Amino acid sequence: MSDDTDNKPQTLKQCVSEALEEYLSQVDQEHISELYNMVLGEVEAPMLAVVMKHARSNQSKAAAMLGLNRGTLRKKLRQYNLLD
């Protein structure tokens, strides 16, 4: 986390790194598997939800923001039960 003398907001990359460091320090690393898929699932669902909120549920706009085609976005929204 940034100290008080550094007023710049943390980057997303820094936030993710810190969260992963914290997670790995709290779990038995010998029993971790599928970490890659777990992290993607944990990050992708809230990212989609936030982008859909900012796009006011306009899938075309959200797809453009994400750099996905609309069909891929719909598939991911269904995967995470995020369709209205």
PDB file of N, CA and C in Angstrom:
ATOM      1  N   MET A   1       0.833  -1.170   0.000  1.00  0.00           N
ATOM      2  CA  MET A   1       0.000   0.000   0.000  1.00  0.00           C
ATOM      3  C   MET A   1       0.882   1.239   0.000  1.00  0.00           C
ATOM      4  N   SER A   2       0.434   2.300  -0.584  1.00  0.00           N
ATOM      5  CA  SER A   2       1.198   3.537  -0.658  1.00  0.00           C
ATOM      6  C   SER A   2       1.333   4.147   0.723  1.00  0.00           C
ATOM      7  N   ASP A   3       2.494   4.786   0.967  1.00  0.00           N
ATOM      8  CA  ASP A   3       2.612   5.493   2.234  1.00  0.00           C
ATOM      9  C   ASP A   3       1.967   6.863   2.115  1.00  0.00           C
ATOM     10  N   ASP A   4       1.880   7.560   3.244  1.00  0.00           N
ATOM     11  CA  ASP A   4       1.164   8.832   3.277  1.00  0.00           C
ATOM     12  C   ASP A   4       1.816   9.921   2.446  1.00  0.00           C
ATOM     13  N   THR A   5       3.124   9.816   2.171  1.00  0.00           N
ATOM     14  CA  THR A   5       3.804  10.852   1.406  1.00  0.00           C
ATOM     15  C   THR A   5       3.581  10.698  -0.084  1.00  0.00           C
ATOM     16  N   ASP A   6       3.062   9.563  -0.510  1.00  0.00           N
ATOM     17  CA  ASP A   6       2.819   9.296  -1.926  1.00  0.00           C
ATOM     18  C   ASP A   6       1.327   9.472  -2.203  1.00  0.00           C
ATOM     19  N   ASN A   7       0.957  10.558  -2.873  1.00  0.00           N
ATOM     20  CA  ASN A   7      -0.454  10.852  -3.114  1.00  0.00           C
ATOM     21  C   ASN A   7      -0.998  10.234  -4.389  1.00  0.00           C
ATOM     22  N   LYS A   8      -0.149   9.562  -5.167  1.00  0.00           N
ATOM     23  CA  LYS A   8      -0.629   8.939  -6.395  1.00  0.00           C
ATOM     24  C   LYS A   8      -1.460   7.707  -6.051  1.00  0.00           C
ATOM     25  N   PRO A   9      -2.585   7.533  -6.732  1.00  0.00           N
ATOM     26  CA  PRO A   9      -3.377   6.327  -6.479  1.00  0.00           C
ATOM     27  C   PRO A   9      -2.619   5.092  -6.971  1.00  0.00           C
ATOM     28  N   GLN A  10      -2.901   3.976  -6.317  1.00  0.00           N
ATOM     29  CA  GLN A  10      -2.289   2.725  -6.741  1.00  0.00           C
ATOM     30  C   GLN A  10      -2.812   2.336  -8.118  1.00  0.00           C
ATOM     31  N   THR A  11      -1.953   1.694  -8.880  1.00  0.00           N
ATOM     32  CA  THR A  11      -2.404   1.159 -10.159  1.00  0.00           C
ATOM     33  C   THR A  11      -3.166  -0.136  -9.899  1.00  0.00           C
ATOM     34  N   LEU A  12      -3.942  -0.537 -10.864  1.00  0.00           N
ATOM     35  CA  LEU A  12      -4.655  -1.805 -10.762  1.00  0.00           C
ATOM     36  C   LEU A  12      -3.656  -2.947 -10.579  1.00  0.00           C
ATOM     37  N   LYS A  13      -2.561  -2.865 -11.290  1.00  0.00           N
ATOM     38  CA  LYS A  13      -1.511  -3.885 -11.188  1.00  0.00           C
ATOM     39  C   LYS A  13      -0.989  -3.993  -9.758  1.00  0.00           C
ATOM     40  N   GLN A  14      -0.771  -2.847  -9.122  1.00  0.00           N
ATOM     41  CA  GLN A  14      -0.290  -2.855  -7.738  1.00  0.00           C
ATOM     42  C   GLN A  14      -1.337  -3.452  -6.795  1.00  0.00           C
ATOM     43  N   CYS A  15      -2.577  -3.098  -7.006  1.00  0.00           N
ATOM     44  CA  CYS A  15      -3.654  -3.630  -6.167  1.00  0.00           C
ATOM     45  C   CYS A  15      -3.744  -5.151  -6.283  1.00  0.00           C
ATOM     46  N   VAL A  16      -3.668  -5.656  -7.501  1.00  0.00           N
ATOM     47  CA  VAL A  16      -3.744  -7.099  -7.720  1.00  0.00           C
ATOM     48  C   VAL A  16      -2.538  -7.791  -7.085  1.00  0.00           C
ATOM     49  N   SER A  17      -1.350  -7.223  -7.260  1.00  0.00           N
ATOM     50  CA  SER A  17      -0.144  -7.812  -6.667  1.00  0.00           C
ATOM     51  C   SER A  17      -0.262  -7.901  -5.154  1.00  0.00           C
ATOM     52  N   GLU A  18      -0.713  -6.815  -4.537  1.00  0.00           N
ATOM     53  CA  GLU A  18      -0.858  -6.809  -3.082  1.00  0.00           C
ATOM     54  C   GLU A  18      -1.908  -7.816  -2.625  1.00  0.00           C
ATOM     55  N   ALA A  19      -3.016  -7.902  -3.337  1.00  0.00           N
ATOM     56  CA  ALA A  19      -4.065  -8.851  -2.969  1.00  0.00           C
ATOM     57  C   ALA A  19      -3.563 -10.286  -3.083  1.00  0.00           C
ATOM     58  N   LEU A  20      -2.818 -10.585  -4.132  1.00  0.00           N
ATOM     59  CA  LEU A  20      -2.281 -11.941  -4.300  1.00  0.00           C
ATOM     60  C   LEU A  20      -1.238 -12.258  -3.239  1.00  0.00           C
ATOM     61  N   GLU A  21      -0.375 -11.294  -2.919  1.00  0.00           N
ATOM     62  CA  GLU A  21       0.619 -11.501  -1.866  1.00  0.00           C
ATOM     63  C   GLU A  21      -0.085 -11.804  -0.542  1.00  0.00           C
ATOM     64  N   GLU A  22      -1.108 -11.026  -0.233  1.00  0.00           N
ATOM     65  CA  GLU A  22      -1.869 -11.225   1.007  1.00  0.00           C
ATOM     66  C   GLU A  22      -2.536 -12.595   1.007  1.00  0.00           C
ATOM     67  N   TYR A  23      -3.182 -12.948  -0.089  1.00  0.00           N
ATOM     68  CA  TYR A  23      -3.852 -14.253  -0.195  1.00  0.00           C
ATOM     69  C   TYR A  23      -2.855 -15.389   0.011  1.00  0.00           C
ATOM     70  N   LEU A  24      -1.722 -15.328  -0.698  1.00  0.00           N
ATOM     71  CA  LEU A  24      -0.739 -16.409  -0.609  1.00  0.00           C
ATOM     72  C   LEU A  24      -0.096 -16.497   0.775  1.00  0.00           C
ATOM     73  N   SER A  25      -0.036 -15.387   1.485  1.00  0.00           N
ATOM     74  CA  SER A  25       0.533 -15.423   2.831  1.00  0.00           C
ATOM     75  C   SER A  25      -0.421 -16.054   3.844  1.00  0.00           C
ATOM     76  N   GLN A  26      -1.712 -16.143   3.480  1.00  0.00           N
ATOM     77  CA  GLN A  26      -2.721 -16.647   4.410  1.00  0.00           C
ATOM     78  C   GLN A  26      -3.155 -18.086   4.153  1.00  0.00           C
ATOM     79  N   VAL A  27      -2.740 -18.659   3.043  1.00  0.00           N
ATOM     80  CA  VAL A  27      -3.191 -20.015   2.715  1.00  0.00           C
ATOM     81  C   VAL A  27      -2.011 -20.978   2.707  1.00  0.00           C
ATOM     82  N   ASP A  28      -2.328 -22.243   2.819  1.00  0.00           N
ATOM     83  CA  ASP A  28      -1.314 -23.291   2.734  1.00  0.00           C
ATOM     84  C   ASP A  28      -0.976 -23.484   1.260  1.00  0.00           C
ATOM     85  N   GLN A  29       0.174 -22.989   0.855  1.00  0.00           N
ATOM     86  CA  GLN A  29       0.534 -22.980  -0.562  1.00  0.00           C
ATOM     87  C   GLN A  29       0.666 -24.374  -1.163  1.00  0.00           C
ATOM     88  N   GLU A  30       0.863 -25.372  -0.337  1.00  0.00           N
ATOM     89  CA  GLU A  30       0.958 -26.739  -0.858  1.00  0.00           C
ATOM     90  C   GLU A  30      -0.384 -27.233  -1.391  1.00  0.00           C
ATOM     91  N   HIS A  31      -1.469 -26.634  -0.948  1.00  0.00           N
ATOM     92  CA  HIS A  31      -2.801 -27.068  -1.370  1.00  0.00           C
ATOM     93  C   HIS A  31      -3.427 -26.154  -2.424  1.00  0.00           C
ATOM     94  N   ILE A  32      -2.652 -25.232  -2.951  1.00  0.00           N
ATOM     95  CA  ILE A  32      -3.161 -24.343  -3.991  1.00  0.00           C
ATOM     96  C   ILE A  32      -3.049 -25.031  -5.341  1.00  0.00           C
ATOM     97  N   SER A  33      -4.130 -25.001  -6.083  1.00  0.00           N
ATOM     98  CA  SER A  33      -4.103 -25.479  -7.462  1.00  0.00           C
ATOM     99  C   SER A  33      -5.085 -24.629  -8.254  1.00  0.00           C
ATOM    100  N   GLU A  34      -4.907 -24.587  -9.530  1.00  0.00           N
ATOM    101  CA  GLU A  34      -5.813 -23.821 -10.393  1.00  0.00           C
ATOM    102  C   GLU A  34      -5.842 -22.340 -10.024  1.00  0.00           C
ATOM    103  N   LEU A  35      -4.721 -21.816  -9.525  1.00  0.00           N
ATOM    104  CA  LEU A  35      -4.658 -20.414  -9.112  1.00  0.00           C
ATOM    105  C   LEU A  35      -4.969 -19.482 -10.280  1.00  0.00           C
ATOM    106  N   TYR A  36      -4.455 -19.788 -11.449  1.00  0.00           N
ATOM    107  CA  TYR A  36      -4.681 -18.951 -12.625  1.00  0.00           C
ATOM    108  C   TYR A  36      -6.166 -18.800 -12.908  1.00  0.00           C
ATOM    109  N   ASN A  37      -6.880 -19.921 -12.979  1.00  0.00           N
ATOM    110  CA  ASN A  37      -8.324 -19.875 -13.255  1.00  0.00           C
ATOM    111  C   ASN A  37      -9.090 -19.208 -12.125  1.00  0.00           C
ATOM    112  N   MET A  38      -8.668 -19.441 -10.878  1.00  0.00           N
ATOM    113  CA  MET A  38      -9.330 -18.828  -9.745  1.00  0.00           C
ATOM    114  C   MET A  38      -9.211 -17.307  -9.812  1.00  0.00           C
ATOM    115  N   VAL A  39      -8.006 -16.814 -10.082  1.00  0.00           N
ATOM    116  CA  VAL A  39      -7.789 -15.366 -10.149  1.00  0.00           C
ATOM    117  C   VAL A  39      -8.588 -14.758 -11.297  1.00  0.00           C
ATOM    118  N   LEU A  40      -8.562 -15.392 -12.458  1.00  0.00           N
ATOM    119  CA  LEU A  40      -9.348 -14.871 -13.582  1.00  0.00           C
ATOM    120  C   LEU A  40     -10.829 -14.792 -13.242  1.00  0.00           C
ATOM    121  N   GLY A  41     -11.352 -15.812 -12.612  1.00  0.00           N
ATOM    122  CA  GLY A  41     -12.758 -15.813 -12.234  1.00  0.00           C
ATOM    123  C   GLY A  41     -13.085 -14.750 -11.205  1.00  0.00           C
ATOM    124  N   GLU A  42     -12.181 -14.547 -10.266  1.00  0.00           N
ATOM    125  CA  GLU A  42     -12.396 -13.550  -9.219  1.00  0.00           C
ATOM    126  C   GLU A  42     -12.314 -12.124  -9.764  1.00  0.00           C
ATOM    127  N   VAL A  43     -11.528 -11.924 -10.795  1.00  0.00           N
ATOM    128  CA  VAL A  43     -11.347 -10.581 -11.359  1.00  0.00           C
ATOM    129  C   VAL A  43     -12.345 -10.309 -12.486  1.00  0.00           C
ATOM    130  N   GLU A  44     -12.593 -11.310 -13.311  1.00  0.00           N
ATOM    131  CA  GLU A  44     -13.413 -11.105 -14.495  1.00  0.00           C
ATOM    132  C   GLU A  44     -14.867 -10.755 -14.162  1.00  0.00           C
ATOM    133  N   ALA A  45     -15.455 -11.460 -13.221  1.00  0.00           N
ATOM    134  CA  ALA A  45     -16.867 -11.213 -12.897  1.00  0.00           C
ATOM    135  C   ALA A  45     -17.108  -9.785 -12.399  1.00  0.00           C
ATOM    136  N   PRO A  46     -16.352  -9.297 -11.409  1.00  0.00           N
ATOM    137  CA  PRO A  46     -16.601  -7.918 -10.984  1.00  0.00           C
ATOM    138  C   PRO A  46     -16.241  -6.894 -12.052  1.00  0.00           C
ATOM    139  N   MET A  47     -15.243  -7.193 -12.872  1.00  0.00           N
ATOM    140  CA  MET A  47     -14.902  -6.274 -13.959  1.00  0.00           C
ATOM    141  C   MET A  47     -16.076  -6.141 -14.917  1.00  0.00           C
ATOM    142  N   LEU A  48     -16.667  -7.258 -15.289  1.00  0.00           N
ATOM    143  CA  LEU A  48     -17.814  -7.227 -16.194  1.00  0.00           C
ATOM    144  C   LEU A  48     -18.985  -6.477 -15.565  1.00  0.00           C
ATOM    145  N   ALA A  49     -19.239  -6.732 -14.288  1.00  0.00           N
ATOM    146  CA  ALA A  49     -20.352  -6.063 -13.613  1.00  0.00           C
ATOM    147  C   ALA A  49     -20.151  -4.550 -13.568  1.00  0.00           C
ATOM    148  N   VAL A  50     -18.949  -4.116 -13.247  1.00  0.00           N
ATOM    149  CA  VAL A  50     -18.666  -2.678 -13.156  1.00  0.00           C
ATOM    150  C   VAL A  50     -18.757  -2.023 -14.528  1.00  0.00           C
ATOM    151  N   VAL A  51     -18.211  -2.673 -15.547  1.00  0.00           N
ATOM    152  CA  VAL A  51     -18.267  -2.104 -16.899  1.00  0.00           C
ATOM    153  C   VAL A  51     -19.716  -2.033 -17.377  1.00  0.00           C
ATOM    154  N   MET A  52     -20.495  -3.069 -17.112  1.00  0.00           N
ATOM    155  CA  MET A  52     -21.909  -3.030 -17.511  1.00  0.00           C
ATOM    156  C   MET A  52     -22.640  -1.893 -16.796  1.00  0.00           C
ATOM    157  N   LYS A  53     -22.318  -1.660 -15.540  1.00  0.00           N
ATOM    158  CA  LYS A  53     -22.928  -0.552 -14.804  1.00  0.00           C
ATOM    159  C   LYS A  53     -22.555   0.782 -15.438  1.00  0.00           C
ATOM    160  N   HIS A  54     -21.277   0.955 -15.762  1.00  0.00           N
ATOM    161  CA  HIS A  54     -20.823   2.207 -16.362  1.00  0.00           C
ATOM    162  C   HIS A  54     -21.367   2.395 -17.774  1.00  0.00           C
ATOM    163  N   ALA A  55     -21.637   1.289 -18.450  1.00  0.00           N
ATOM    164  CA  ALA A  55     -22.216   1.366 -19.797  1.00  0.00           C
ATOM    165  C   ALA A  55     -23.741   1.406 -19.746  1.00  0.00           C
ATOM    166  N   ARG A  56     -24.289   1.482 -18.537  1.00  0.00           N
ATOM    167  CA  ARG A  56     -25.742   1.504 -18.326  1.00  0.00           C
ATOM    168  C   ARG A  56     -26.432   0.321 -19.008  1.00  0.00           C
ATOM    169  N   SER A  57     -25.811  -0.843 -18.862  1.00  0.00           N
ATOM    170  CA  SER A  57     -26.300  -2.123 -19.404  1.00  0.00           C
ATOM    171  C   SER A  57     -26.337  -2.173 -20.922  1.00  0.00           C
ATOM    172  N   ASN A  58     -25.688  -1.236 -21.582  1.00  0.00           N
ATOM    173  CA  ASN A  58     -25.600  -1.248 -23.038  1.00  0.00           C
ATOM    174  C   ASN A  58     -24.461  -2.190 -23.422  1.00  0.00           C
ATOM    175  N   GLN A  59     -24.831  -3.373 -23.913  1.00  0.00           N
ATOM    176  CA  GLN A  59     -23.836  -4.399 -24.204  1.00  0.00           C
ATOM    177  C   GLN A  59     -22.878  -3.993 -25.312  1.00  0.00           C
ATOM    178  N   SER A  60     -23.357  -3.273 -26.302  1.00  0.00           N
ATOM    179  CA  SER A  60     -22.468  -2.831 -27.381  1.00  0.00           C
ATOM    180  C   SER A  60     -21.404  -1.879 -26.844  1.00  0.00           C
ATOM    181  N   LYS A  61     -21.825  -0.949 -26.008  1.00  0.00           N
ATOM    182  CA  LYS A  61     -20.884   0.000 -25.412  1.00  0.00           C
ATOM    183  C   LYS A  61     -19.907  -0.721 -24.476  1.00  0.00           C
ATOM    184  N   ALA A  62     -20.417  -1.640 -23.660  1.00  0.00           N
ATOM    185  CA  ALA A  62     -19.564  -2.392 -22.744  1.00  0.00           C
ATOM    186  C   ALA A  62     -18.551  -3.241 -23.508  1.00  0.00           C
ATOM    187  N   ALA A  63     -19.004  -3.884 -24.574  1.00  0.00           N
ATOM    188  CA  ALA A  63     -18.104  -4.701 -25.387  1.00  0.00           C
ATOM    189  C   ALA A  63     -16.992  -3.848 -25.968  1.00  0.00           C
ATOM    190  N   ALA A  64     -17.332  -2.659 -26.445  1.00  0.00           N
ATOM    191  CA  ALA A  64     -16.323  -1.755 -26.992  1.00  0.00           C
ATOM    192  C   ALA A  64     -15.332  -1.325 -25.916  1.00  0.00           C
ATOM    193  N   MET A  65     -15.842  -1.020 -24.718  1.00  0.00           N
ATOM    194  CA  MET A  65     -14.965  -0.631 -23.614  1.00  0.00           C
ATOM    195  C   MET A  65     -13.981  -1.747 -23.268  1.00  0.00           C
ATOM    196  N   LEU A  66     -14.460  -2.982 -23.319  1.00  0.00           N
ATOM    197  CA  LEU A  66     -13.643  -4.138 -22.947  1.00  0.00           C
ATOM    198  C   LEU A  66     -12.766  -4.646 -24.087  1.00  0.00           C
ATOM    199  N   GLY A  67     -13.053  -4.206 -25.296  1.00  0.00           N
ATOM    200  CA  GLY A  67     -12.302  -4.719 -26.435  1.00  0.00           C
ATOM    201  C   GLY A  67     -12.728  -6.123 -26.828  1.00  0.00           C
ATOM    202  N   LEU A  68     -13.990  -6.441 -26.557  1.00  0.00           N
ATOM    203  CA  LEU A  68     -14.561  -7.746 -26.896  1.00  0.00           C
ATOM    204  C   LEU A  68     -15.647  -7.552 -27.936  1.00  0.00           C
ATOM    205  N   ASN A  69     -15.965  -8.630 -28.657  1.00  0.00           N
ATOM    206  CA  ASN A  69     -17.151  -8.509 -29.501  1.00  0.00           C
ATOM    207  C   ASN A  69     -18.369  -8.793 -28.625  1.00  0.00           C
ATOM    208  N   ARG A  70     -19.518  -8.356 -29.076  1.00  0.00           N
ATOM    209  CA  ARG A  70     -20.735  -8.434 -28.269  1.00  0.00           C
ATOM    210  C   ARG A  70     -21.105  -9.880 -27.927  1.00  0.00           C
ATOM    211  N   GLY A  71     -20.870 -10.798 -28.847  1.00  0.00           N
ATOM    212  CA  GLY A  71     -21.167 -12.206 -28.593  1.00  0.00           C
ATOM    213  C   GLY A  71     -20.316 -12.775 -27.463  1.00  0.00           C
ATOM    214  N   THR A  72     -19.055 -12.430 -27.449  1.00  0.00           N
ATOM    215  CA  THR A  72     -18.166 -12.885 -26.377  1.00  0.00           C
ATOM    216  C   THR A  72     -18.598 -12.288 -25.046  1.00  0.00           C
ATOM    217  N   LEU A  73     -18.962 -11.017 -25.060  1.00  0.00           N
ATOM    218  CA  LEU A  73     -19.436 -10.378 -23.830  1.00  0.00           C
ATOM    219  C   LEU A  73     -20.676 -11.094 -23.308  1.00  0.00           C
ATOM    220  N   ARG A  74     -21.640 -11.368 -24.177  1.00  0.00           N
ATOM    221  CA  ARG A  74     -22.868 -12.053 -23.745  1.00  0.00           C
ATOM    222  C   ARG A  74     -22.555 -13.422 -23.153  1.00  0.00           C
ATOM    223  N   LYS A  75     -21.629 -14.135 -23.767  1.00  0.00           N
ATOM    224  CA  LYS A  75     -21.227 -15.453 -23.261  1.00  0.00           C
ATOM    225  C   LYS A  75     -20.655 -15.328 -21.848  1.00  0.00           C
ATOM    226  N   LYS A  76     -19.802 -14.338 -21.635  1.00  0.00           N
ATOM    227  CA  LYS A  76     -19.201 -14.136 -20.320  1.00  0.00           C
ATOM    228  C   LYS A  76     -20.236 -13.661 -19.302  1.00  0.00           C
ATOM    229  N   LEU A  77     -21.158 -12.818 -19.723  1.00  0.00           N
ATOM    230  CA  LEU A  77     -22.219 -12.371 -18.817  1.00  0.00           C
ATOM    231  C   LEU A  77     -23.088 -13.549 -18.374  1.00  0.00           C
ATOM    232  N   ARG A  78     -23.386 -14.456 -19.303  1.00  0.00           N
ATOM    233  CA  ARG A  78     -24.142 -15.663 -18.955  1.00  0.00           C
ATOM    234  C   ARG A  78     -23.335 -16.542 -18.003  1.00  0.00           C
ATOM    235  N   GLN A  79     -22.058 -16.689 -18.288  1.00  0.00           N
ATOM    236  CA  GLN A  79     -21.177 -17.529 -17.463  1.00  0.00           C
ATOM    237  C   GLN A  79     -21.213 -17.090 -15.993  1.00  0.00           C
ATOM    238  N   TYR A  80     -21.255 -15.801 -15.755  1.00  0.00           N
ATOM    239  CA  TYR A  80     -21.247 -15.268 -14.392  1.00  0.00           C
ATOM    240  C   TYR A  80     -22.641 -14.837 -13.904  1.00  0.00           C
ATOM    241  N   ASN A  81     -23.672 -15.262 -14.625  1.00  0.00           N
ATOM    242  CA  ASN A  81     -25.068 -14.919 -14.257  1.00  0.00           C
ATOM    243  C   ASN A  81     -25.258 -13.420 -14.086  1.00  0.00           C
ATOM    244  N   LEU A  82     -24.756 -12.647 -15.042  1.00  0.00           N
ATOM    245  CA  LEU A  82     -24.851 -11.202 -14.982  1.00  0.00           C
ATOM    246  C   LEU A  82     -25.835 -10.611 -15.978  1.00  0.00           C
ATOM    247  N   LEU A  83     -26.554 -11.455 -16.686  1.00  0.00           N
ATOM    248  CA  LEU A  83     -27.580 -10.944 -17.610  1.00  0.00           C
ATOM    249  C   LEU A  83     -28.840 -10.637 -16.834  1.00  0.00           C
ATOM    250  N   ASP A  84     -29.504  -9.550 -17.232  1.00  0.00           N
ATOM    251  CA  ASP A  84     -30.747  -9.137 -16.559  1.00  0.00           C
ATOM    252  C   ASP A  84     -31.846 -10.141 -16.809  1.00  0.00           C
TER     253      ASP A  84
END
